[in-house]
N, C-alpha and C. Protein backbone atom coordinates (compact mmCIF):
# COMPACT_ATOMS: atom_id res chain seq x y z
N MET A 1 -9.86 -24.62 -12.07
CA MET A 1 -10.80 -24.30 -11.01
C MET A 1 -11.80 -25.89 -10.72
N LEU A 2 -11.80 -26.62 -11.75
CA LEU A 2 -12.50 -27.76 -11.83
C LEU A 2 -11.68 -28.86 -10.91
N ARG A 3 -10.32 -28.63 -10.83
CA ARG A 3 -9.55 -29.43 -10.13
C ARG A 3 -9.76 -29.00 -8.58
N VAL A 4 -9.84 -27.77 -8.26
CA VAL A 4 -10.10 -27.33 -6.89
C VAL A 4 -11.38 -27.83 -6.45
N LYS A 5 -12.35 -27.61 -7.36
CA LYS A 5 -13.74 -28.19 -7.04
C LYS A 5 -13.80 -29.83 -6.71
N ALA A 6 -12.91 -30.37 -7.33
CA ALA A 6 -12.99 -31.91 -7.20
C ALA A 6 -12.08 -32.25 -6.01
N GLY A 7 -11.40 -31.13 -5.24
CA GLY A 7 -10.83 -31.44 -4.01
C GLY A 7 -9.29 -31.09 -3.93
N ASP A 8 -8.69 -30.88 -5.10
CA ASP A 8 -7.29 -30.47 -5.14
C ASP A 8 -7.14 -29.05 -4.99
N VAL A 9 -7.21 -28.75 -3.59
CA VAL A 9 -7.23 -27.30 -3.18
C VAL A 9 -5.97 -26.61 -3.24
N ASP A 10 -4.75 -27.47 -3.39
CA ASP A 10 -3.46 -26.83 -3.66
C ASP A 10 -3.34 -26.01 -5.00
N ARG A 11 -4.33 -26.35 -5.88
CA ARG A 11 -4.43 -25.58 -7.32
C ARG A 11 -4.77 -24.24 -6.95
N MET A 12 -5.35 -23.74 -5.83
CA MET A 12 -5.70 -22.43 -5.65
C MET A 12 -4.41 -21.42 -5.70
N GLY A 13 -3.45 -21.95 -5.37
CA GLY A 13 -2.15 -21.04 -5.46
C GLY A 13 -1.89 -20.76 -6.89
N LEU A 14 -2.03 -21.69 -7.89
CA LEU A 14 -1.81 -21.42 -9.29
C LEU A 14 -2.93 -20.32 -9.75
N LEU A 15 -4.00 -20.72 -9.44
CA LEU A 15 -5.19 -19.76 -9.80
C LEU A 15 -4.98 -18.25 -9.22
N PHE A 16 -4.46 -18.25 -7.98
CA PHE A 16 -4.07 -16.85 -7.36
C PHE A 16 -2.84 -16.23 -8.26
N GLU A 17 -1.91 -16.94 -8.57
CA GLU A 17 -0.81 -16.51 -9.38
C GLU A 17 -1.31 -15.92 -10.65
N ARG A 18 -2.24 -16.62 -11.48
CA ARG A 18 -2.66 -16.17 -12.62
C ARG A 18 -3.62 -15.01 -12.69
N HIS A 19 -4.46 -14.85 -11.57
CA HIS A 19 -5.48 -13.85 -11.72
C HIS A 19 -5.35 -12.72 -10.58
N HIS A 20 -4.52 -12.97 -9.64
CA HIS A 20 -4.59 -11.91 -8.56
C HIS A 20 -4.40 -10.52 -9.01
N ARG A 21 -3.53 -10.25 -9.96
CA ARG A 21 -3.21 -8.82 -10.38
C ARG A 21 -4.39 -8.29 -11.17
N LYS A 22 -4.92 -9.02 -12.06
CA LYS A 22 -6.00 -8.50 -12.76
C LYS A 22 -7.31 -8.08 -11.75
N LEU A 23 -7.52 -9.09 -10.74
CA LEU A 23 -8.57 -8.90 -9.79
C LEU A 23 -8.14 -7.70 -8.98
N PHE A 24 -7.00 -7.49 -8.56
CA PHE A 24 -6.64 -6.27 -7.76
C PHE A 24 -6.86 -5.10 -8.51
N SER A 25 -6.40 -5.03 -9.91
CA SER A 25 -6.75 -3.90 -10.71
C SER A 25 -8.19 -3.52 -10.80
N PHE A 26 -9.00 -4.51 -10.97
CA PHE A 26 -10.44 -4.30 -11.07
C PHE A 26 -10.91 -3.50 -9.74
N LEU A 27 -10.61 -4.26 -8.60
CA LEU A 27 -11.03 -3.64 -7.41
C LEU A 27 -10.44 -2.29 -7.08
N TYR A 28 -9.02 -2.06 -7.41
CA TYR A 28 -8.38 -0.88 -7.08
C TYR A 28 -9.04 0.41 -7.91
N HIS A 29 -9.46 0.01 -9.17
CA HIS A 29 -9.98 0.96 -9.99
C HIS A 29 -11.43 1.29 -9.51
N MET A 30 -12.18 0.40 -9.03
CA MET A 30 -13.45 0.66 -8.34
C MET A 30 -13.53 1.33 -7.03
N LEU A 31 -12.42 1.21 -6.34
CA LEU A 31 -12.44 1.88 -4.90
C LEU A 31 -11.22 2.89 -4.94
N GLY A 32 -10.20 2.89 -5.57
CA GLY A 32 -9.19 3.75 -5.42
C GLY A 32 -8.42 3.59 -4.28
N ARG A 33 -8.48 2.53 -3.57
CA ARG A 33 -7.47 2.26 -2.34
C ARG A 33 -6.81 1.01 -2.49
N ALA A 34 -5.53 1.17 -2.50
CA ALA A 34 -4.77 -0.09 -2.72
C ALA A 34 -4.85 -1.15 -1.51
N ASP A 35 -4.73 -0.64 -0.22
CA ASP A 35 -4.93 -1.62 0.94
C ASP A 35 -6.27 -2.26 0.89
N THR A 36 -7.23 -1.63 0.59
CA THR A 36 -8.50 -2.22 0.71
C THR A 36 -8.70 -3.23 -0.36
N SER A 37 -8.23 -2.93 -1.56
CA SER A 37 -8.25 -3.78 -2.70
C SER A 37 -7.58 -5.08 -2.54
N GLU A 38 -6.32 -4.99 -1.92
CA GLU A 38 -5.41 -6.23 -1.51
C GLU A 38 -6.28 -7.04 -0.65
N ASP A 39 -6.97 -6.48 0.45
CA ASP A 39 -7.77 -7.35 1.28
C ASP A 39 -8.98 -7.84 0.59
N LEU A 40 -9.71 -7.29 -0.24
CA LEU A 40 -10.60 -7.74 -1.03
C LEU A 40 -10.40 -8.95 -1.96
N VAL A 41 -9.18 -8.82 -2.66
CA VAL A 41 -8.75 -9.75 -3.45
C VAL A 41 -8.54 -11.15 -2.65
N GLN A 42 -8.14 -11.00 -1.41
CA GLN A 42 -8.09 -12.10 -0.58
C GLN A 42 -9.38 -12.73 -0.22
N ASN A 43 -10.53 -11.81 -0.09
CA ASN A 43 -11.80 -12.30 0.09
C ASN A 43 -12.40 -13.02 -1.05
N VAL A 44 -12.02 -12.52 -2.20
CA VAL A 44 -12.62 -13.20 -3.38
C VAL A 44 -12.03 -14.74 -3.46
N PHE A 45 -10.75 -14.75 -3.25
CA PHE A 45 -10.22 -16.08 -3.33
C PHE A 45 -10.74 -16.95 -2.17
N TYR A 46 -10.97 -16.43 -1.08
CA TYR A 46 -11.51 -17.13 -0.04
C TYR A 46 -12.91 -17.77 -0.42
N ARG A 47 -13.68 -16.84 -1.05
CA ARG A 47 -15.04 -17.26 -1.55
C ARG A 47 -15.04 -18.15 -2.55
N MET A 48 -13.82 -18.12 -3.47
CA MET A 48 -13.80 -19.08 -4.66
C MET A 48 -13.54 -20.55 -4.01
N LEU A 49 -12.75 -20.52 -2.81
CA LEU A 49 -12.53 -21.96 -2.11
C LEU A 49 -13.89 -22.26 -1.37
N LYS A 50 -14.56 -21.33 -0.74
CA LYS A 50 -15.77 -21.80 0.01
C LYS A 50 -16.87 -22.07 -0.96
N TYR A 51 -16.89 -21.36 -2.04
CA TYR A 51 -18.07 -21.64 -2.93
C TYR A 51 -17.81 -22.45 -4.15
N ARG A 52 -16.55 -23.17 -4.05
CA ARG A 52 -16.11 -23.84 -5.40
C ARG A 52 -17.12 -24.85 -5.81
N HIS A 53 -18.06 -25.47 -4.89
CA HIS A 53 -19.19 -26.30 -5.49
C HIS A 53 -20.14 -25.61 -6.47
N THR A 54 -20.02 -24.44 -6.55
CA THR A 54 -21.08 -23.65 -7.46
C THR A 54 -20.39 -23.40 -8.85
N TYR A 55 -19.03 -23.55 -8.89
CA TYR A 55 -18.45 -23.38 -10.36
C TYR A 55 -18.96 -24.69 -11.20
N THR A 56 -19.38 -24.25 -12.39
CA THR A 56 -19.88 -25.49 -13.11
C THR A 56 -18.93 -25.78 -14.25
N GLY A 57 -18.11 -24.81 -14.65
CA GLY A 57 -17.09 -25.11 -15.67
C GLY A 57 -17.52 -24.70 -17.09
N GLU A 58 -18.98 -24.23 -17.09
CA GLU A 58 -19.41 -23.60 -18.34
C GLU A 58 -19.11 -22.14 -18.40
N GLY A 59 -18.74 -21.78 -19.54
CA GLY A 59 -18.16 -20.52 -19.63
C GLY A 59 -16.76 -20.21 -19.32
N GLU A 60 -16.19 -19.13 -19.09
CA GLU A 60 -14.88 -18.86 -18.71
C GLU A 60 -14.95 -18.53 -17.14
N PHE A 61 -13.91 -19.01 -16.57
CA PHE A 61 -13.45 -18.94 -15.16
C PHE A 61 -13.50 -17.44 -14.78
N ARG A 62 -12.97 -16.68 -15.57
CA ARG A 62 -12.93 -15.20 -15.23
C ARG A 62 -14.40 -14.64 -15.06
N THR A 63 -15.35 -15.10 -15.84
CA THR A 63 -16.75 -14.60 -15.63
C THR A 63 -17.18 -15.00 -14.13
N TRP A 64 -16.93 -16.19 -13.78
CA TRP A 64 -17.36 -16.51 -12.39
C TRP A 64 -16.56 -15.68 -11.42
N MET A 65 -15.33 -15.59 -11.61
CA MET A 65 -14.59 -14.98 -10.70
C MET A 65 -14.90 -13.42 -10.51
N TYR A 66 -15.26 -12.89 -11.53
CA TYR A 66 -15.76 -11.36 -11.61
C TYR A 66 -17.10 -11.32 -10.88
N HIS A 67 -17.92 -12.39 -10.97
CA HIS A 67 -19.18 -12.38 -10.25
C HIS A 67 -18.92 -12.35 -8.79
N LEU A 68 -17.94 -13.17 -8.23
CA LEU A 68 -17.68 -13.23 -6.87
C LEU A 68 -17.05 -11.87 -6.55
N ALA A 69 -16.20 -11.31 -7.20
CA ALA A 69 -15.42 -9.94 -7.04
C ALA A 69 -16.61 -9.06 -6.88
N ARG A 70 -17.56 -8.91 -7.72
CA ARG A 70 -18.63 -7.88 -7.66
C ARG A 70 -19.54 -8.06 -6.32
N ASN A 71 -19.70 -9.28 -5.84
CA ASN A 71 -20.27 -9.55 -4.72
C ASN A 71 -19.43 -9.10 -3.51
N VAL A 72 -18.31 -9.34 -3.51
CA VAL A 72 -17.29 -8.89 -2.27
C VAL A 72 -17.46 -7.48 -2.37
N LEU A 73 -17.27 -6.89 -3.46
CA LEU A 73 -17.15 -5.46 -3.45
C LEU A 73 -18.39 -4.77 -3.06
N ALA A 74 -19.67 -5.27 -3.33
CA ALA A 74 -20.89 -4.93 -3.07
C ALA A 74 -21.05 -5.11 -1.52
N ASP A 75 -20.51 -6.13 -0.93
CA ASP A 75 -20.68 -6.36 0.66
C ASP A 75 -19.87 -5.30 1.18
N HIS A 76 -18.65 -4.98 0.68
CA HIS A 76 -17.69 -4.22 1.21
C HIS A 76 -18.21 -2.62 1.26
N VAL A 77 -18.87 -2.28 0.30
CA VAL A 77 -19.47 -0.96 0.04
C VAL A 77 -20.66 -0.76 0.94
N LYS A 78 -21.58 -1.83 1.13
CA LYS A 78 -22.74 -1.86 2.11
C LYS A 78 -22.03 -1.57 3.51
N LYS A 79 -20.98 -2.25 3.97
CA LYS A 79 -20.52 -2.21 5.25
C LYS A 79 -19.86 -0.93 5.50
N ASN A 80 -19.25 -0.13 4.56
CA ASN A 80 -18.39 0.95 4.64
C ASN A 80 -18.96 2.22 4.00
N ARG A 81 -20.28 2.30 4.01
CA ARG A 81 -20.83 3.51 3.35
C ARG A 81 -20.44 4.82 3.84
N HIS A 82 -20.09 4.85 5.09
CA HIS A 82 -19.79 6.05 5.58
C HIS A 82 -18.18 6.39 5.55
N ALA A 83 -17.40 5.41 5.17
CA ALA A 83 -16.20 5.68 4.89
C ALA A 83 -15.74 6.39 3.79
N SER A 84 -14.80 7.28 3.62
CA SER A 84 -14.46 8.08 2.46
C SER A 84 -13.54 7.06 1.69
N HIS A 85 -13.77 7.32 0.25
CA HIS A 85 -12.83 6.45 -0.65
C HIS A 85 -11.98 7.36 -1.71
N HIS A 86 -10.95 7.85 -1.07
CA HIS A 86 -10.22 8.71 -2.02
C HIS A 86 -9.02 8.04 -2.56
N ALA A 87 -8.68 8.31 -3.80
CA ALA A 87 -7.57 7.56 -4.53
C ALA A 87 -6.19 7.66 -3.99
N ASP A 88 -5.41 6.72 -3.89
CA ASP A 88 -4.07 6.87 -3.63
C ASP A 88 -3.25 6.80 -4.89
N VAL A 89 -3.22 8.03 -5.57
CA VAL A 89 -2.88 8.30 -6.89
C VAL A 89 -1.31 8.08 -6.96
N GLN A 90 -0.50 8.27 -6.04
CA GLN A 90 0.73 8.03 -6.12
C GLN A 90 1.11 6.70 -6.29
N ASP A 91 0.40 5.63 -5.43
CA ASP A 91 0.61 4.27 -5.74
C ASP A 91 0.28 3.80 -7.26
N PHE A 92 -0.78 4.39 -7.71
CA PHE A 92 -1.26 4.18 -9.18
C PHE A 92 -0.16 4.55 -10.08
N ALA A 93 0.27 5.84 -9.95
CA ALA A 93 1.30 6.29 -10.93
C ALA A 93 2.46 5.61 -10.87
N GLU A 94 2.92 5.13 -9.73
CA GLU A 94 4.22 4.35 -9.71
C GLU A 94 3.99 3.13 -10.43
N LYS A 95 2.76 2.50 -10.51
CA LYS A 95 2.57 1.37 -11.10
C LYS A 95 2.60 1.52 -12.68
N ILE A 96 2.11 2.61 -13.00
CA ILE A 96 2.15 2.87 -14.52
C ILE A 96 3.59 3.10 -15.03
N GLY A 97 4.13 3.87 -14.15
CA GLY A 97 5.71 4.40 -14.52
C GLY A 97 5.51 5.43 -15.47
N GLY A 98 6.75 6.13 -15.53
CA GLY A 98 6.83 7.36 -16.22
C GLY A 98 8.08 7.28 -17.21
N GLY A 99 8.12 8.45 -18.06
CA GLY A 99 9.17 8.34 -19.06
C GLY A 99 10.63 8.66 -18.20
N PRO A 100 11.65 8.74 -19.05
CA PRO A 100 12.94 8.89 -18.45
C PRO A 100 13.23 10.36 -17.87
N ARG A 101 12.42 11.15 -18.52
CA ARG A 101 12.67 12.63 -18.04
C ARG A 101 11.73 12.99 -16.94
N ALA A 102 12.03 13.85 -16.00
CA ALA A 102 11.32 14.20 -14.89
C ALA A 102 9.98 14.95 -15.32
N ASP A 103 9.97 15.78 -16.14
CA ASP A 103 9.05 16.60 -16.70
C ASP A 103 7.73 15.69 -17.24
N ASP A 104 8.35 14.74 -18.07
CA ASP A 104 7.40 13.65 -18.62
C ASP A 104 6.75 12.86 -17.40
N ALA A 105 7.34 12.57 -16.52
CA ALA A 105 6.97 11.63 -15.31
C ALA A 105 6.03 12.56 -14.56
N LEU A 106 6.23 13.98 -14.30
CA LEU A 106 5.23 14.67 -13.70
C LEU A 106 4.08 14.99 -14.40
N GLN A 107 4.09 15.01 -15.72
CA GLN A 107 2.97 15.13 -16.51
C GLN A 107 2.12 14.10 -16.59
N ARG A 108 2.67 12.95 -16.70
CA ARG A 108 2.00 11.65 -16.76
C ARG A 108 1.39 11.38 -15.54
N GLU A 109 1.93 11.84 -14.31
CA GLU A 109 1.42 11.51 -12.99
C GLU A 109 0.06 12.49 -12.91
N GLN A 110 0.14 13.68 -13.33
CA GLN A 110 -1.02 14.59 -13.42
C GLN A 110 -2.21 14.01 -14.19
N GLU A 111 -1.78 13.60 -15.33
CA GLU A 111 -2.86 13.03 -16.23
C GLU A 111 -3.51 11.74 -15.70
N VAL A 112 -2.55 10.91 -14.99
CA VAL A 112 -3.24 9.76 -14.27
C VAL A 112 -4.16 10.20 -13.14
N ALA A 113 -3.68 11.22 -12.35
CA ALA A 113 -4.59 11.76 -11.19
C ALA A 113 -6.04 12.24 -11.79
N THR A 114 -5.72 13.04 -12.86
CA THR A 114 -6.95 13.60 -13.38
C THR A 114 -7.97 12.50 -14.00
N LEU A 115 -7.44 11.58 -14.53
CA LEU A 115 -8.35 10.28 -15.07
C LEU A 115 -8.66 9.70 -13.80
N HIS A 116 -8.03 9.43 -12.85
CA HIS A 116 -8.54 8.85 -11.71
C HIS A 116 -9.69 9.42 -11.09
N ARG A 117 -9.56 10.87 -10.84
CA ARG A 117 -10.55 11.73 -10.41
C ARG A 117 -11.83 11.61 -11.22
N ALA A 118 -11.71 11.74 -12.56
CA ALA A 118 -12.84 11.53 -13.54
C ALA A 118 -13.59 10.23 -13.30
N LEU A 119 -12.65 9.08 -13.35
CA LEU A 119 -13.24 7.91 -12.96
C LEU A 119 -14.06 7.80 -11.66
N GLY A 120 -13.54 8.33 -10.70
CA GLY A 120 -14.22 8.49 -9.28
C GLY A 120 -15.45 9.15 -9.48
N ARG A 121 -15.79 10.09 -10.36
CA ARG A 121 -16.88 10.83 -10.50
C ARG A 121 -18.14 10.03 -11.29
N LEU A 122 -17.71 9.03 -11.91
CA LEU A 122 -18.67 8.22 -12.72
C LEU A 122 -19.42 7.45 -11.62
N SER A 123 -20.74 7.07 -12.31
CA SER A 123 -21.56 6.27 -11.37
C SER A 123 -20.73 4.97 -11.21
N ALA A 124 -21.15 4.24 -10.26
CA ALA A 124 -20.33 2.90 -10.02
C ALA A 124 -20.65 1.93 -11.13
N GLU A 125 -21.74 1.98 -11.75
CA GLU A 125 -22.33 1.14 -12.88
C GLU A 125 -21.28 1.48 -14.19
N ASN A 126 -21.30 2.78 -14.48
CA ASN A 126 -20.25 3.26 -15.51
C ASN A 126 -18.88 2.92 -15.33
N ARG A 127 -18.43 3.18 -14.09
CA ARG A 127 -17.07 2.85 -13.73
C ARG A 127 -16.65 1.39 -13.88
N GLU A 128 -17.59 0.66 -13.39
CA GLU A 128 -17.35 -0.80 -13.54
C GLU A 128 -17.34 -1.40 -14.90
N VAL A 129 -18.30 -0.92 -15.77
CA VAL A 129 -18.28 -1.35 -17.21
C VAL A 129 -16.99 -0.88 -17.85
N LEU A 130 -16.39 0.23 -17.63
CA LEU A 130 -15.14 0.74 -18.20
C LEU A 130 -13.99 0.04 -17.78
N ILE A 131 -13.94 -0.27 -16.51
CA ILE A 131 -12.79 -1.00 -15.81
C ILE A 131 -12.83 -2.33 -16.44
N LEU A 132 -13.94 -3.14 -16.48
CA LEU A 132 -14.00 -4.42 -17.03
C LEU A 132 -13.58 -4.31 -18.63
N SER A 133 -14.03 -3.35 -19.32
CA SER A 133 -13.68 -3.44 -20.82
C SER A 133 -12.30 -2.92 -21.03
N ARG A 134 -12.02 -1.73 -20.47
CA ARG A 134 -10.61 -1.04 -20.71
C ARG A 134 -9.47 -1.53 -19.94
N PHE A 135 -9.57 -1.69 -18.77
CA PHE A 135 -8.57 -1.98 -17.92
C PHE A 135 -8.37 -3.57 -17.69
N GLN A 136 -9.48 -4.30 -17.63
CA GLN A 136 -9.35 -5.87 -17.39
C GLN A 136 -9.44 -6.44 -18.81
N GLU A 137 -9.68 -5.75 -19.90
CA GLU A 137 -9.80 -6.24 -21.28
C GLU A 137 -10.58 -7.22 -21.47
N LEU A 138 -11.76 -7.41 -20.76
CA LEU A 138 -12.72 -8.45 -21.02
C LEU A 138 -13.53 -8.10 -22.37
N LYS A 139 -13.91 -9.07 -22.99
CA LYS A 139 -14.71 -8.88 -24.28
C LYS A 139 -16.06 -8.57 -23.77
N TYR A 140 -16.88 -7.92 -24.63
CA TYR A 140 -18.29 -7.33 -24.35
C TYR A 140 -19.06 -8.60 -24.07
N GLU A 141 -18.80 -9.85 -24.74
CA GLU A 141 -19.70 -11.04 -24.41
C GLU A 141 -19.56 -11.40 -22.88
N GLU A 142 -18.22 -11.24 -22.63
CA GLU A 142 -17.79 -11.67 -21.07
C GLU A 142 -18.35 -10.74 -20.23
N ILE A 143 -18.35 -9.40 -20.48
CA ILE A 143 -19.00 -8.48 -19.43
C ILE A 143 -20.51 -8.73 -19.39
N ALA A 144 -21.12 -9.08 -20.59
CA ALA A 144 -22.57 -9.23 -20.60
C ALA A 144 -22.85 -10.45 -19.56
N ARG A 145 -22.05 -11.51 -19.63
CA ARG A 145 -22.19 -12.69 -18.69
C ARG A 145 -22.06 -12.24 -17.19
N VAL A 146 -21.18 -11.36 -16.96
CA VAL A 146 -20.74 -10.91 -15.71
C VAL A 146 -21.78 -10.06 -15.09
N LEU A 147 -22.16 -9.20 -16.03
CA LEU A 147 -23.40 -8.24 -15.53
C LEU A 147 -24.81 -8.86 -15.70
N ASN A 148 -24.90 -10.01 -16.36
CA ASN A 148 -26.21 -10.59 -16.57
C ASN A 148 -26.92 -9.68 -17.56
N THR A 149 -26.49 -9.34 -18.53
CA THR A 149 -27.26 -8.59 -19.66
C THR A 149 -26.94 -8.97 -20.98
N THR A 150 -27.17 -8.14 -22.00
CA THR A 150 -26.98 -8.56 -23.37
C THR A 150 -25.73 -7.84 -23.76
N GLU A 151 -24.98 -8.46 -24.87
CA GLU A 151 -23.75 -7.78 -25.34
C GLU A 151 -23.98 -6.40 -25.92
N GLY A 152 -25.30 -6.26 -26.45
CA GLY A 152 -25.64 -4.94 -26.98
C GLY A 152 -25.89 -3.91 -26.01
N ALA A 153 -26.41 -4.37 -24.85
CA ALA A 153 -26.44 -3.54 -23.72
C ALA A 153 -25.19 -2.99 -23.16
N VAL A 154 -24.19 -4.09 -23.19
CA VAL A 154 -22.88 -3.61 -22.66
C VAL A 154 -22.19 -2.47 -23.63
N LYS A 155 -22.36 -2.83 -24.82
CA LYS A 155 -21.81 -1.90 -25.86
C LYS A 155 -22.20 -0.53 -25.73
N VAL A 156 -23.51 -0.28 -25.53
CA VAL A 156 -24.21 0.92 -25.29
C VAL A 156 -23.71 1.69 -24.06
N ARG A 157 -23.66 0.83 -22.97
CA ARG A 157 -23.24 1.22 -21.72
C ARG A 157 -21.69 1.75 -21.79
N VAL A 158 -20.94 0.94 -22.49
CA VAL A 158 -19.40 1.38 -22.48
C VAL A 158 -19.35 2.61 -23.31
N HIS A 159 -20.02 2.93 -24.35
CA HIS A 159 -20.08 4.08 -25.19
C HIS A 159 -20.43 5.18 -24.42
N ARG A 160 -21.62 5.07 -23.85
CA ARG A 160 -22.10 6.33 -22.91
C ARG A 160 -21.15 6.46 -21.79
N ALA A 161 -20.63 5.52 -21.07
CA ALA A 161 -19.55 5.76 -20.13
C ALA A 161 -18.34 6.44 -20.52
N MET A 162 -17.87 5.97 -21.75
CA MET A 162 -16.78 6.61 -22.34
C MET A 162 -16.86 8.22 -22.60
N ASN A 163 -18.15 8.48 -23.06
CA ASN A 163 -18.51 9.83 -23.36
C ASN A 163 -18.58 10.59 -22.08
N GLU A 164 -19.05 10.11 -21.04
CA GLU A 164 -19.33 10.67 -19.84
C GLU A 164 -17.95 10.99 -19.04
N LEU A 165 -17.04 9.93 -19.15
CA LEU A 165 -15.69 10.19 -18.63
C LEU A 165 -14.94 11.20 -19.48
N LYS A 166 -15.17 11.26 -20.80
CA LYS A 166 -14.25 12.23 -21.55
C LYS A 166 -14.83 13.73 -21.08
N THR A 167 -16.13 13.78 -20.94
CA THR A 167 -16.80 15.07 -20.33
C THR A 167 -16.20 15.47 -19.13
N ILE A 168 -16.09 14.59 -18.31
CA ILE A 168 -15.75 14.83 -16.96
C ILE A 168 -14.19 15.20 -16.88
N TYR A 169 -13.46 14.34 -17.62
CA TYR A 169 -11.96 14.43 -17.73
C TYR A 169 -11.73 15.88 -18.25
N LEU A 170 -12.27 16.36 -19.40
CA LEU A 170 -12.14 17.85 -19.76
C LEU A 170 -12.46 18.80 -18.93
N ARG A 171 -13.59 18.62 -18.22
CA ARG A 171 -14.03 19.61 -17.24
C ARG A 171 -13.02 19.70 -16.02
N ILE A 172 -12.39 18.72 -15.60
CA ILE A 172 -11.43 18.66 -14.51
C ILE A 172 -10.27 19.39 -14.99
N GLU A 173 -9.84 18.99 -16.16
CA GLU A 173 -8.45 19.37 -16.71
C GLU A 173 -8.58 20.99 -16.96
N ASN A 174 -9.59 21.55 -17.35
CA ASN A 174 -9.63 22.95 -17.56
C ASN A 174 -10.01 23.71 -16.46
């Protein structure tokens, strides 16, 4: 990113190749819509280019990237408050893949659908912290920088969010 900031904008392609899947995953898990998530990924990379002068090189690039992604997501949510956001579970299940047997695949798809519904019922804040920690595999220290809070606060939020997710999941499953 430092090279992009210095004017070598051709390097954006390399950044896109390295980070677009994780960024898509984050946005998809927050929204539950593949098509919208793809559009938002493009918006994040556009903003990276537009605001490259704000990148300092201190800390990890991912932290800065997720700050931009959160801003793009917040802007999208503000613009589309009235739109319904339901999950495209079939797309999600296909990405995860199933076992070789049809019964296993069907059971896996049902479990994924239940998990996705449970995630959708969490507050946006709890869903975000779980996605960053569990799906994006960011360390608590990185999440703290993204969310502008302490590492201890992130640990507490993840723990509480996991407990809430478990409760919701079991309620849906039964």
